[in-house]
Amino acid sequence: MNEPARRDGITVGFDDSQEARHSLEWAVGAACRRETGLTVVHAYQVPVQAGPAKFGHVPDVLHDNSLGVLRHAQEHLAELGVSDVPHGDLHFDSVRGEAASVLIDRSRTSELTVVGSRGLRTFDRFLLGSVSATLSARAYGPVAVVPGSASAGRVSRVLVGIDVMDRDDHVLGFAFDEAARAAAQLLAVHVFDPDHGGARAADRAWVDRCCSDAREALVAVADRWGDTYPSVRWSVEVRSGRAAETLLAGTHADDLVVVGGRRHPKSAGWMLGSVPDRLLKLAPCAVIVEHEHD
């Protein structure tokens, strides 16, 4: 089996949009919480087409433009009083390539990859593509998607969606670690969808029994992680309803939502309509998609 990739600081994609500036602010806070470095990446593409020799300077011009975008990132941080991150290095990288592909490659060795969200509708994302959706589907490590409504300051609560039938509880462990670093409370939620029970969904006793069993299993696994992170105040809930909407009920801008995800190959693309996809579209706060470990 291959050795796991070394995780080296936080990477944030930046394109000088308002959403990117906001996600950059959030990424600085994440780097401080994790006591690690931060790399700001701008990706630029060079058109691949035949043409007169006079167009040979285009790559240089695009690279210069990219460096200008990164200077804007530095200026924005300076306006916030940020010239460095306390526990690591602050880097600015201009990389030739398509944005999503560049960030997917960087995710191999990043502790966390951060992008902003423009909140496009599903149809728009299907036609135009979305860096945040593509990255969340295909990244090799955890991805944070930060909407414009999310607070870039302190994280007050970590809410983690858990499937109690999943034997791999690394997502819950990841959430406990985030809560410990942020000195935040943790709420572990299992969403039970009665509609999946077919005709039995009308049997209230059956639904109550399923919820009770799920809560017992959730408490057992959370208790183990609580022993590892004794400073974290945690609680559990079992809710009934549609997964994404029910999980997000009562969330606020200063929350952080953590969910598990399965890495999809390029040929499969992003699974439109999946729970993570709906969370990224609906959440008022930052969402971290933590992929299953190989």
C-alpha atoms as a PDB file:
ATOM      1  CA  MET A   1       0.000   0.000   0.000  1.00  0.00           C
ATOM      2  CA  ASN A   2       1.261   3.485  -0.846  1.00  0.00           C
ATOM      3  CA  GLU A   3       2.429   5.820   1.895  1.00  0.00           C
ATOM      4  CA  PRO A   4      -0.138   8.570   2.646  1.00  0.00           C
ATOM      5  CA  ALA A   5       0.628  11.927   1.039  1.00  0.00           C
ATOM      6  CA  ARG A   6       2.239  14.511   3.284  1.00  0.00           C
ATOM      7  CA  ARG A   7      -0.195  17.292   4.179  1.00  0.00           C
ATOM      8  CA  ASP A   8       1.428  20.682   3.915  1.00  0.00           C
ATOM      9  CA  GLY A   9      -0.566  23.713   5.035  1.00  0.00           C
ATOM     10  CA  ILE A  10      -3.738  25.210   3.596  1.00  0.00           C
ATOM     11  CA  THR A  11      -4.297  26.081  -0.067  1.00  0.00           C
ATOM     12  CA  VAL A  12      -6.858  28.701  -1.107  1.00  0.00           C
ATOM     13  CA  GLY A  13      -7.896  29.402  -4.663  1.00  0.00           C
ATOM     14  CA  PHE A  14      -8.057  33.100  -5.550  1.00  0.00           C
ATOM     15  CA  ASP A  15      -9.408  34.824  -8.670  1.00  0.00           C
ATOM     16  CA  ASP A  16      -9.883  38.382  -7.325  1.00  0.00           C
ATOM     17  CA  SER A  17     -13.665  38.026  -7.139  1.00  0.00           C
ATOM     18  CA  GLN A  18     -15.563  39.184  -4.055  1.00  0.00           C
ATOM     19  CA  GLU A  19     -16.228  35.537  -3.200  1.00  0.00           C
ATOM     20  CA  ALA A  20     -12.516  34.722  -3.453  1.00  0.00           C
ATOM     21  CA  ARG A  21     -11.589  37.627  -1.184  1.00  0.00           C
ATOM     22  CA  HIS A  22     -14.058  36.382   1.402  1.00  0.00           C
ATOM     23  CA  SER A  23     -12.772  32.807   1.214  1.00  0.00           C
ATOM     24  CA  LEU A  24      -9.219  34.153   1.574  1.00  0.00           C
ATOM     25  CA  GLU A  25     -10.208  35.823   4.848  1.00  0.00           C
ATOM     26  CA  TRP A  26     -11.754  32.538   6.021  1.00  0.00           C
ATOM     27  CA  ALA A  27      -8.623  30.609   5.001  1.00  0.00           C
ATOM     28  CA  VAL A  28      -6.408  32.917   7.080  1.00  0.00           C
ATOM     29  CA  GLY A  29      -8.528  32.098  10.132  1.00  0.00           C
ATOM     30  CA  ALA A  30      -8.320  28.378   9.334  1.00  0.00           C
ATOM     31  CA  ALA A  31      -4.522  28.584   9.053  1.00  0.00           C
ATOM     32  CA  CYS A  32      -4.357  30.281  12.454  1.00  0.00           C
ATOM     33  CA  ARG A  33      -6.601  27.624  14.032  1.00  0.00           C
ATOM     34  CA  ARG A  34      -4.546  24.827  12.523  1.00  0.00           C
ATOM     35  CA  GLU A  35      -1.230  26.551  13.280  1.00  0.00           C
ATOM     36  CA  THR A  36      -0.021  25.981   9.733  1.00  0.00           C
ATOM     37  CA  GLY A  37       0.994  27.853   6.589  1.00  0.00           C
ATOM     38  CA  LEU A  38      -1.159  29.240   3.800  1.00  0.00           C
ATOM     39  CA  THR A  39      -0.647  29.228   0.028  1.00  0.00           C
ATOM     40  CA  VAL A  40      -2.752  31.507  -2.175  1.00  0.00           C
ATOM     41  CA  VAL A  41      -3.058  30.068  -5.689  1.00  0.00           C
ATOM     42  CA  HIS A  42      -4.217  31.739  -8.893  1.00  0.00           C
ATOM     43  CA  ALA A  43      -4.547  29.531 -11.966  1.00  0.00           C
ATOM     44  CA  TYR A  44      -4.515  30.876 -15.504  1.00  0.00           C
ATOM     45  CA  GLN A  45      -5.161  29.155 -18.816  1.00  0.00           C
ATOM     46  CA  VAL A  46      -3.370  29.740 -22.100  1.00  0.00           C
ATOM     47  CA  PRO A  47      -5.566  29.200 -25.192  1.00  0.00           C
ATOM     48  CA  VAL A  48      -4.421  26.208 -27.216  1.00  0.00           C
ATOM     49  CA  GLN A  49      -4.731  27.212 -30.859  1.00  0.00           C
ATOM     50  CA  ALA A  50      -2.621  27.744 -33.930  1.00  0.00           C
ATOM     51  CA  GLY A  51      -1.828  31.317 -34.824  1.00  0.00           C
ATOM     52  CA  PRO A  52       0.752  33.826 -36.051  1.00  0.00           C
ATOM     53  CA  ALA A  53       4.083  34.000 -34.275  1.00  0.00           C
ATOM     54  CA  LYS A  54       3.190  37.440 -32.929  1.00  0.00           C
ATOM     55  CA  PHE A  55       0.858  35.713 -30.454  1.00  0.00           C
ATOM     56  CA  GLY A  56       3.779  33.873 -28.862  1.00  0.00           C
ATOM     57  CA  HIS A  57       3.910  36.453 -26.089  1.00  0.00           C
ATOM     58  CA  VAL A  58       0.407  35.555 -24.837  1.00  0.00           C
ATOM     59  CA  PRO A  59       1.567  33.113 -22.112  1.00  0.00           C
ATOM     60  CA  ASP A  60       3.869  35.778 -20.667  1.00  0.00           C
ATOM     61  CA  VAL A  61       1.083  38.349 -20.647  1.00  0.00           C
ATOM     62  CA  LEU A  62      -1.303  35.946 -18.936  1.00  0.00           C
ATOM     63  CA  HIS A  63       1.339  35.053 -16.364  1.00  0.00           C
ATOM     64  CA  ASP A  64       1.907  38.742 -15.650  1.00  0.00           C
ATOM     65  CA  ASN A  65      -1.851  39.220 -15.259  1.00  0.00           C
ATOM     66  CA  SER A  66      -1.912  36.297 -12.842  1.00  0.00           C
ATOM     67  CA  LEU A  67       0.845  37.857 -10.761  1.00  0.00           C
ATOM     68  CA  GLY A  68      -1.260  41.024 -10.701  1.00  0.00           C
ATOM     69  CA  VAL A  69      -4.197  39.071  -9.292  1.00  0.00           C
ATOM     70  CA  LEU A  70      -1.960  37.717  -6.538  1.00  0.00           C
ATOM     71  CA  ARG A  71      -0.756  41.240  -5.756  1.00  0.00           C
ATOM     72  CA  HIS A  72      -4.395  42.146  -5.213  1.00  0.00           C
ATOM     73  CA  ALA A  73      -4.626  39.251  -2.767  1.00  0.00           C
ATOM     74  CA  GLN A  74      -1.617  40.607  -0.878  1.00  0.00           C
ATOM     75  CA  GLU A  75      -3.139  44.082  -0.858  1.00  0.00           C
ATOM     76  CA  HIS A  76      -6.437  42.737   0.456  1.00  0.00           C
ATOM     77  CA  LEU A  77      -4.657  40.942   3.281  1.00  0.00           C
ATOM     78  CA  ALA A  78      -2.686  44.098   4.057  1.00  0.00           C
ATOM     79  CA  GLU A  79      -5.972  45.994   4.388  1.00  0.00           C
ATOM     80  CA  LEU A  80      -6.964  43.411   6.986  1.00  0.00           C
ATOM     81  CA  GLY A  81      -3.653  43.828   8.788  1.00  0.00           C
ATOM     82  CA  VAL A  82      -2.380  40.415   7.688  1.00  0.00           C
ATOM     83  CA  SER A  83       1.220  40.217   6.482  1.00  0.00           C
ATOM     84  CA  ASP A  84       1.917  36.648   7.581  1.00  0.00           C
ATOM     85  CA  VAL A  85       0.318  33.697   9.324  1.00  0.00           C
ATOM     86  CA  PRO A  86       1.525  33.138  12.897  1.00  0.00           C
ATOM     87  CA  HIS A  87       2.527  29.486  12.680  1.00  0.00           C
ATOM     88  CA  GLY A  88       3.690  29.023   9.083  1.00  0.00           C
ATOM     89  CA  ASP A  89       4.693  30.637   5.827  1.00  0.00           C
ATOM     90  CA  LEU A  90       2.464  32.698   3.554  1.00  0.00           C
ATOM     91  CA  HIS A  91       3.021  31.963  -0.144  1.00  0.00           C
ATOM     92  CA  PHE A  92       1.492  33.257  -3.382  1.00  0.00           C
ATOM     93  CA  ASP A  93       1.653  30.929  -6.399  1.00  0.00           C
ATOM     94  CA  SER A  94       0.744  31.601 -10.018  1.00  0.00           C
ATOM     95  CA  VAL A  95       0.091  28.288 -11.779  1.00  0.00           C
ATOM     96  CA  ARG A  96      -0.635  27.627 -15.440  1.00  0.00           C
ATOM     97  CA  GLY A  97      -3.669  25.384 -15.839  1.00  0.00           C
ATOM     98  CA  GLU A  98      -7.401  25.089 -15.417  1.00  0.00           C
ATOM     99  CA  ALA A  99      -8.442  26.239 -11.932  1.00  0.00           C
ATOM    100  CA  ALA A 100     -10.225  23.113 -10.744  1.00  0.00           C
ATOM    101  CA  SER A 101      -7.479  20.803 -12.038  1.00  0.00           C
ATOM    102  CA  VAL A 102      -4.748  22.879 -10.394  1.00  0.00           C
ATOM    103  CA  LEU A 103      -6.524  22.848  -7.029  1.00  0.00           C
ATOM    104  CA  ILE A 104      -7.297  19.133  -7.272  1.00  0.00           C
ATOM    105  CA  ASP A 105      -3.589  18.488  -7.789  1.00  0.00           C
ATOM    106  CA  ARG A 106      -2.695  20.759  -4.855  1.00  0.00           C
ATOM    107  CA  SER A 107      -5.198  18.899  -2.664  1.00  0.00           C
ATOM    108  CA  ARG A 108      -2.914  15.848  -2.751  1.00  0.00           C
ATOM    109  CA  THR A 109      -0.570  17.532  -0.270  1.00  0.00           C
ATOM    110  CA  SER A 110      -2.738  20.208   1.373  1.00  0.00           C
ATOM    111  CA  GLU A 111      -4.196  19.876   4.847  1.00  0.00           C
ATOM    112  CA  LEU A 112      -7.244  21.714   3.540  1.00  0.00           C
ATOM    113  CA  THR A 113      -8.144  23.269   0.182  1.00  0.00           C
ATOM    114  CA  VAL A 114     -10.404  26.333   0.355  1.00  0.00           C
ATOM    115  CA  VAL A 115     -12.556  27.920  -2.345  1.00  0.00           C
ATOM    116  CA  GLY A 116     -15.340  30.475  -2.453  1.00  0.00           C
ATOM    117  CA  SER A 117     -18.821  29.751  -3.692  1.00  0.00           C
ATOM    118  CA  ARG A 118     -20.812  31.842  -6.123  1.00  0.00           C
ATOM    119  CA  GLY A 119     -24.020  30.024  -5.268  1.00  0.00           C
ATOM    120  CA  LEU A 120     -24.951  29.224  -8.857  1.00  0.00           C
ATOM    121  CA  ARG A 121     -28.145  27.357  -9.534  1.00  0.00           C
ATOM    122  CA  THR A 122     -27.909  23.669 -10.388  1.00  0.00           C
ATOM    123  CA  PHE A 123     -28.687  24.318 -14.078  1.00  0.00           C
ATOM    124  CA  ASP A 124     -26.005  27.030 -14.259  1.00  0.00           C
ATOM    125  CA  ARG A 125     -23.421  24.755 -12.667  1.00  0.00           C
ATOM    126  CA  PHE A 126     -24.345  21.941 -15.067  1.00  0.00           C
ATOM    127  CA  LEU A 127     -23.760  24.196 -18.083  1.00  0.00           C
ATOM    128  CA  LEU A 128     -20.820  26.256 -16.892  1.00  0.00           C
ATOM    129  CA  GLY A 129     -19.121  23.989 -14.417  1.00  0.00           C
ATOM    130  CA  SER A 130     -18.186  25.050 -10.909  1.00  0.00           C
ATOM    131  CA  VAL A 131     -14.704  25.019  -9.407  1.00  0.00           C
ATOM    132  CA  SER A 132     -16.131  24.443  -5.933  1.00  0.00           C
ATOM    133  CA  ALA A 133     -18.374  21.558  -7.021  1.00  0.00           C
ATOM    134  CA  THR A 134     -15.690  19.915  -9.166  1.00  0.00           C
ATOM    135  CA  LEU A 135     -13.058  20.274  -6.458  1.00  0.00           C
ATOM    136  CA  SER A 136     -15.385  18.912  -3.776  1.00  0.00           C
ATOM    137  CA  ALA A 137     -16.118  15.889  -5.939  1.00  0.00           C
ATOM    138  CA  ARG A 138     -12.592  15.065  -7.057  1.00  0.00           C
ATOM    139  CA  ALA A 139     -10.159  16.368  -4.426  1.00  0.00           C
ATOM    140  CA  TYR A 140      -7.739  14.011  -2.682  1.00  0.00           C
ATOM    141  CA  GLY A 141      -8.129  15.729   0.690  1.00  0.00           C
ATOM    142  CA  PRO A 142     -10.667  17.825   2.615  1.00  0.00           C
ATOM    143  CA  VAL A 143     -12.228  20.801   0.826  1.00  0.00           C
ATOM    144  CA  ALA A 144     -13.813  23.855   2.457  1.00  0.00           C
ATOM    145  CA  VAL A 145     -16.391  25.730   0.388  1.00  0.00           C
ATOM    146  CA  VAL A 146     -17.081  29.206   1.777  1.00  0.00           C
ATOM    147  CA  PRO A 147     -20.231  31.069   0.674  1.00  0.00           C
ATOM    148  CA  GLY A 148     -20.408  34.843   0.851  1.00  0.00           C
ATOM    149  CA  SER A 149     -22.828  34.602   3.787  1.00  0.00           C
ATOM    150  CA  ALA A 150     -20.355  32.673   5.967  1.00  0.00           C
ATOM    151  CA  SER A 151     -18.598  34.391   8.844  1.00  0.00           C
ATOM    152  CA  ALA A 152     -14.850  34.735   8.287  1.00  0.00           C
ATOM    153  CA  GLY A 153     -14.284  35.102  12.018  1.00  0.00           C
ATOM    154  CA  ARG A 154     -14.564  32.699  14.908  1.00  0.00           C
ATOM    155  CA  VAL A 155     -16.276  29.319  14.413  1.00  0.00           C
ATOM    156  CA  SER A 156     -18.852  29.001  17.201  1.00  0.00           C
ATOM    157  CA  ARG A 157     -20.101  25.482  16.461  1.00  0.00           C
ATOM    158  CA  VAL A 158     -19.092  22.500  14.341  1.00  0.00           C
ATOM    159  CA  LEU A 159     -22.035  20.519  13.003  1.00  0.00           C
ATOM    160  CA  VAL A 160     -21.149  17.141  11.517  1.00  0.00           C
ATOM    161  CA  GLY A 161     -23.466  14.922   9.512  1.00  0.00           C
ATOM    162  CA  ILE A 162     -22.981  11.250  10.362  1.00  0.00           C
ATOM    163  CA  ASP A 163     -24.309   8.055   8.830  1.00  0.00           C
ATOM    164  CA  VAL A 164     -24.320   5.605  11.737  1.00  0.00           C
ATOM    165  CA  MET A 165     -24.243   2.721   9.260  1.00  0.00           C
ATOM    166  CA  ASP A 166     -20.807   3.832   8.030  1.00  0.00           C
ATOM    167  CA  ARG A 167     -18.129   1.861   9.869  1.00  0.00           C
ATOM    168  CA  ASP A 168     -15.440   4.432   9.040  1.00  0.00           C
ATOM    169  CA  ASP A 169     -15.854   7.217  11.609  1.00  0.00           C
ATOM    170  CA  HIS A 170     -12.950   9.366  10.364  1.00  0.00           C
ATOM    171  CA  VAL A 171     -15.386  12.160   9.436  1.00  0.00           C
ATOM    172  CA  LEU A 172     -16.470  12.449  13.056  1.00  0.00           C
ATOM    173  CA  GLY A 173     -12.830  12.417  14.148  1.00  0.00           C
ATOM    174  CA  PHE A 174     -12.065  15.197  11.661  1.00  0.00           C
ATOM    175  CA  ALA A 175     -14.972  17.248  13.048  1.00  0.00           C
ATOM    176  CA  PHE A 176     -13.802  16.746  16.640  1.00  0.00           C
ATOM    177  CA  ASP A 177     -10.363  17.976  15.623  1.00  0.00           C
ATOM    178  CA  GLU A 178     -11.845  21.074  13.979  1.00  0.00           C
ATOM    179  CA  ALA A 179     -13.944  21.784  17.076  1.00  0.00           C
ATOM    180  CA  ALA A 180     -10.922  21.421  19.356  1.00  0.00           C
ATOM    181  CA  ARG A 181      -8.858  23.816  17.252  1.00  0.00           C
ATOM    182  CA  ALA A 182     -11.687  26.370  17.157  1.00  0.00           C
ATOM    183  CA  ALA A 183     -12.627  25.921  20.848  1.00  0.00           C
ATOM    184  CA  ALA A 184     -16.140  25.341  19.522  1.00  0.00           C
ATOM    185  CA  GLN A 185     -19.011  23.096  20.514  1.00  0.00           C
ATOM    186  CA  LEU A 186     -19.717  20.048  18.367  1.00  0.00           C
ATOM    187  CA  LEU A 187     -23.106  18.712  17.345  1.00  0.00           C
ATOM    188  CA  ALA A 188     -23.194  15.312  15.632  1.00  0.00           C
ATOM    189  CA  VAL A 189     -26.363  14.754  13.618  1.00  0.00           C
ATOM    190  CA  HIS A 190     -27.757  11.625  11.999  1.00  0.00           C
ATOM    191  CA  VAL A 191     -30.649  12.293   9.626  1.00  0.00           C
ATOM    192  CA  PHE A 192     -33.190   9.502   9.307  1.00  0.00           C
ATOM    193  CA  ASP A 193     -35.353   9.694   6.198  1.00  0.00           C
ATOM    194  CA  PRO A 194     -38.577   7.731   6.864  1.00  0.00           C
ATOM    195  CA  ASP A 195     -39.372   7.701   3.147  1.00  0.00           C
ATOM    196  CA  HIS A 196     -36.580   5.175   2.684  1.00  0.00           C
ATOM    197  CA  GLY A 197     -38.614   2.760   4.767  1.00  0.00           C
ATOM    198  CA  GLY A 198     -41.362   2.494   2.183  1.00  0.00           C
ATOM    199  CA  ALA A 199     -44.677   1.403   3.628  1.00  0.00           C
ATOM    200  CA  ARG A 200     -43.162   1.212   7.123  1.00  0.00           C
ATOM    201  CA  ALA A 201     -42.726   4.998   7.156  1.00  0.00           C
ATOM    202  CA  ALA A 202     -46.338   5.241   8.373  1.00  0.00           C
ATOM    203  CA  ASP A 203     -45.529   3.034  11.376  1.00  0.00           C
ATOM    204  CA  ARG A 204     -44.644   5.582  14.080  1.00  0.00           C
ATOM    205  CA  ALA A 205     -43.371   2.899  16.442  1.00  0.00           C
ATOM    206  CA  TRP A 206     -40.953   1.630  13.776  1.00  0.00           C
ATOM    207  CA  VAL A 207     -39.704   5.147  13.048  1.00  0.00           C
ATOM    208  CA  ASP A 208     -39.184   5.856  16.767  1.00  0.00           C
ATOM    209  CA  ARG A 209     -37.309   2.575  17.192  1.00  0.00           C
ATOM    210  CA  CYS A 210     -35.012   3.349  14.245  1.00  0.00           C
ATOM    211  CA  CYS A 211     -34.265   6.819  15.623  1.00  0.00           C
ATOM    212  CA  SER A 212     -33.568   5.409  19.075  1.00  0.00           C
ATOM    213  CA  ASP A 213     -31.158   2.807  17.695  1.00  0.00           C
ATOM    214  CA  ALA A 214     -29.411   5.467  15.594  1.00  0.00           C
ATOM    215  CA  ARG A 215     -29.011   7.749  18.612  1.00  0.00           C
ATOM    216  CA  GLU A 216     -27.531   4.930  20.704  1.00  0.00           C
ATOM    217  CA  ALA A 217     -24.999   4.130  17.970  1.00  0.00           C
ATOM    218  CA  LEU A 218     -24.141   7.812  17.482  1.00  0.00           C
ATOM    219  CA  VAL A 219     -23.559   8.363  21.210  1.00  0.00           C
ATOM    220  CA  ALA A 220     -21.263   5.337  21.354  1.00  0.00           C
ATOM    221  CA  VAL A 221     -18.978   6.502  18.536  1.00  0.00           C
ATOM    222  CA  ALA A 222     -19.009  10.162  19.660  1.00  0.00           C
ATOM    223  CA  ASP A 223     -18.094   9.089  23.183  1.00  0.00           C
ATOM    224  CA  ARG A 224     -14.927   7.429  21.880  1.00  0.00           C
ATOM    225  CA  TRP A 225     -13.845  10.599  20.078  1.00  0.00           C
ATOM    226  CA  GLY A 226     -14.800  12.623  23.129  1.00  0.00           C
ATOM    227  CA  ASP A 227     -12.201  10.703  25.110  1.00  0.00           C
ATOM    228  CA  THR A 228      -9.590  11.703  22.515  1.00  0.00           C
ATOM    229  CA  TYR A 229     -10.669  15.365  22.588  1.00  0.00           C
ATOM    230  CA  PRO A 230     -11.732  15.979  26.207  1.00  0.00           C
ATOM    231  CA  SER A 231     -11.872  19.769  25.738  1.00  0.00           C
ATOM    232  CA  VAL A 232     -14.717  19.522  23.199  1.00  0.00           C
ATOM    233  CA  ARG A 233     -18.272  19.886  24.474  1.00  0.00           C
ATOM    234  CA  TRP A 234     -20.364  17.642  22.270  1.00  0.00           C
ATOM    235  CA  SER A 235     -23.936  16.504  21.832  1.00  0.00           C
ATOM    236  CA  VAL A 236     -25.854  14.340  19.375  1.00  0.00           C
ATOM    237  CA  GLU A 237     -29.191  14.563  17.623  1.00  0.00           C
ATOM    238  CA  VAL A 238     -31.174  12.232  15.400  1.00  0.00           C
ATOM    239  CA  ARG A 239     -33.434  14.164  13.065  1.00  0.00           C
ATOM    240  CA  SER A 240     -36.076  13.009  10.635  1.00  0.00           C
ATOM    241  CA  GLY A 241     -36.459  14.398   7.126  1.00  0.00           C
ATOM    242  CA  ARG A 242     -34.549  15.078   3.906  1.00  0.00           C
ATOM    243  CA  ALA A 243     -30.824  14.863   4.556  1.00  0.00           C
ATOM    244  CA  ALA A 244     -29.394  18.207   3.408  1.00  0.00           C
ATOM    245  CA  GLU A 245     -32.275  20.450   4.423  1.00  0.00           C
ATOM    246  CA  THR A 246     -32.714  18.714   7.793  1.00  0.00           C
ATOM    247  CA  LEU A 247     -28.995  18.787   8.587  1.00  0.00           C
ATOM    248  CA  LEU A 248     -28.835  22.531   7.888  1.00  0.00           C
ATOM    249  CA  ALA A 249     -31.886  23.407   9.997  1.00  0.00           C
ATOM    250  CA  GLY A 250     -30.882  26.036  12.547  1.00  0.00           C
ATOM    251  CA  THR A 251     -27.390  26.648  11.137  1.00  0.00           C
ATOM    252  CA  HIS A 252     -25.869  30.124  11.243  1.00  0.00           C
ATOM    253  CA  ALA A 253     -23.144  32.023   9.413  1.00  0.00           C
ATOM    254  CA  ASP A 254     -20.566  31.316  12.141  1.00  0.00           C
ATOM    255  CA  ASP A 255     -21.151  27.549  12.112  1.00  0.00           C
ATOM    256  CA  LEU A 256     -18.961  25.043  10.281  1.00  0.00           C
ATOM    257  CA  VAL A 257     -20.606  22.010   8.660  1.00  0.00           C
ATOM    258  CA  VAL A 258     -18.556  18.846   8.097  1.00  0.00           C
ATOM    259  CA  VAL A 259     -19.746  15.961   5.924  1.00  0.00           C
ATOM    260  CA  GLY A 260     -18.172  12.941   4.316  1.00  0.00           C
ATOM    261  CA  GLY A 261     -17.833  12.518   0.590  1.00  0.00           C
ATOM    262  CA  ARG A 262     -16.706   9.971  -1.947  1.00  0.00           C
ATOM    263  CA  ARG A 263     -14.120  10.995  -4.497  1.00  0.00           C
ATOM    264  CA  HIS A 264     -15.546  10.743  -8.023  1.00  0.00           C
ATOM    265  CA  PRO A 265     -13.340  10.108 -11.063  1.00  0.00           C
ATOM    266  CA  LYS A 266     -13.234  12.749 -13.783  1.00  0.00           C
ATOM    267  CA  SER A 267     -15.437  10.640 -16.027  1.00  0.00           C
ATOM    268  CA  ALA A 268     -18.199  10.584 -13.419  1.00  0.00           C
ATOM    269  CA  GLY A 269     -18.097  14.293 -12.681  1.00  0.00           C
ATOM    270  CA  TRP A 270     -19.977  15.840  -9.787  1.00  0.00           C
ATOM    271  CA  MET A 271     -23.081  14.021  -8.656  1.00  0.00           C
ATOM    272  CA  LEU A 272     -25.688  16.755  -9.030  1.00  0.00           C
ATOM    273  CA  GLY A 273     -28.428  16.357  -6.438  1.00  0.00           C
ATOM    274  CA  SER A 274     -26.207  14.481  -3.951  1.00  0.00           C
ATOM    275  CA  VAL A 275     -26.295  15.467  -0.274  1.00  0.00           C
ATOM    276  CA  PRO A 276     -22.917  17.306  -0.384  1.00  0.00           C
ATOM    277  CA  ASP A 277     -23.992  19.105  -3.558  1.00  0.00           C
ATOM    278  CA  ARG A 278     -27.204  20.347  -1.924  1.00  0.00           C
ATOM    279  CA  LEU A 279     -25.326  21.344   1.220  1.00  0.00           C
ATOM    280  CA  LEU A 280     -22.885  23.449  -0.785  1.00  0.00           C
ATOM    281  CA  LYS A 281     -25.794  25.165  -2.515  1.00  0.00           C
ATOM    282  CA  LEU A 282     -27.929  25.798   0.588  1.00  0.00           C
ATOM    283  CA  ALA A 283     -25.542  26.287   3.516  1.00  0.00           C
ATOM    284  CA  PRO A 284     -25.242  29.771   5.072  1.00  0.00           C
ATOM    285  CA  CYS A 285     -21.857  28.809   6.512  1.00  0.00           C
ATOM    286  CA  ALA A 286     -18.637  27.138   5.407  1.00  0.00           C
ATOM    287  CA  VAL A 287     -18.914  23.440   4.535  1.00  0.00           C
ATOM    288  CA  ILE A 288     -15.997  21.006   4.644  1.00  0.00           C
ATOM    289  CA  VAL A 289     -16.279  17.846   2.550  1.00  0.00           C
ATOM    290  CA  GLU A 290     -13.936  15.243   4.022  1.00  0.00           C
ATOM    291  CA  HIS A 291     -13.377  12.419   1.567  1.00  0.00           C
ATOM    292  CA  GLU A 292     -13.288   8.765   2.485  1.00  0.00           C
ATOM    293  CA  HIS A 293      -9.808   7.415   3.088  1.00  0.00           C
ATOM    294  CA  ASP A 294      -8.519   4.830   0.633  1.00  0.00           C
END
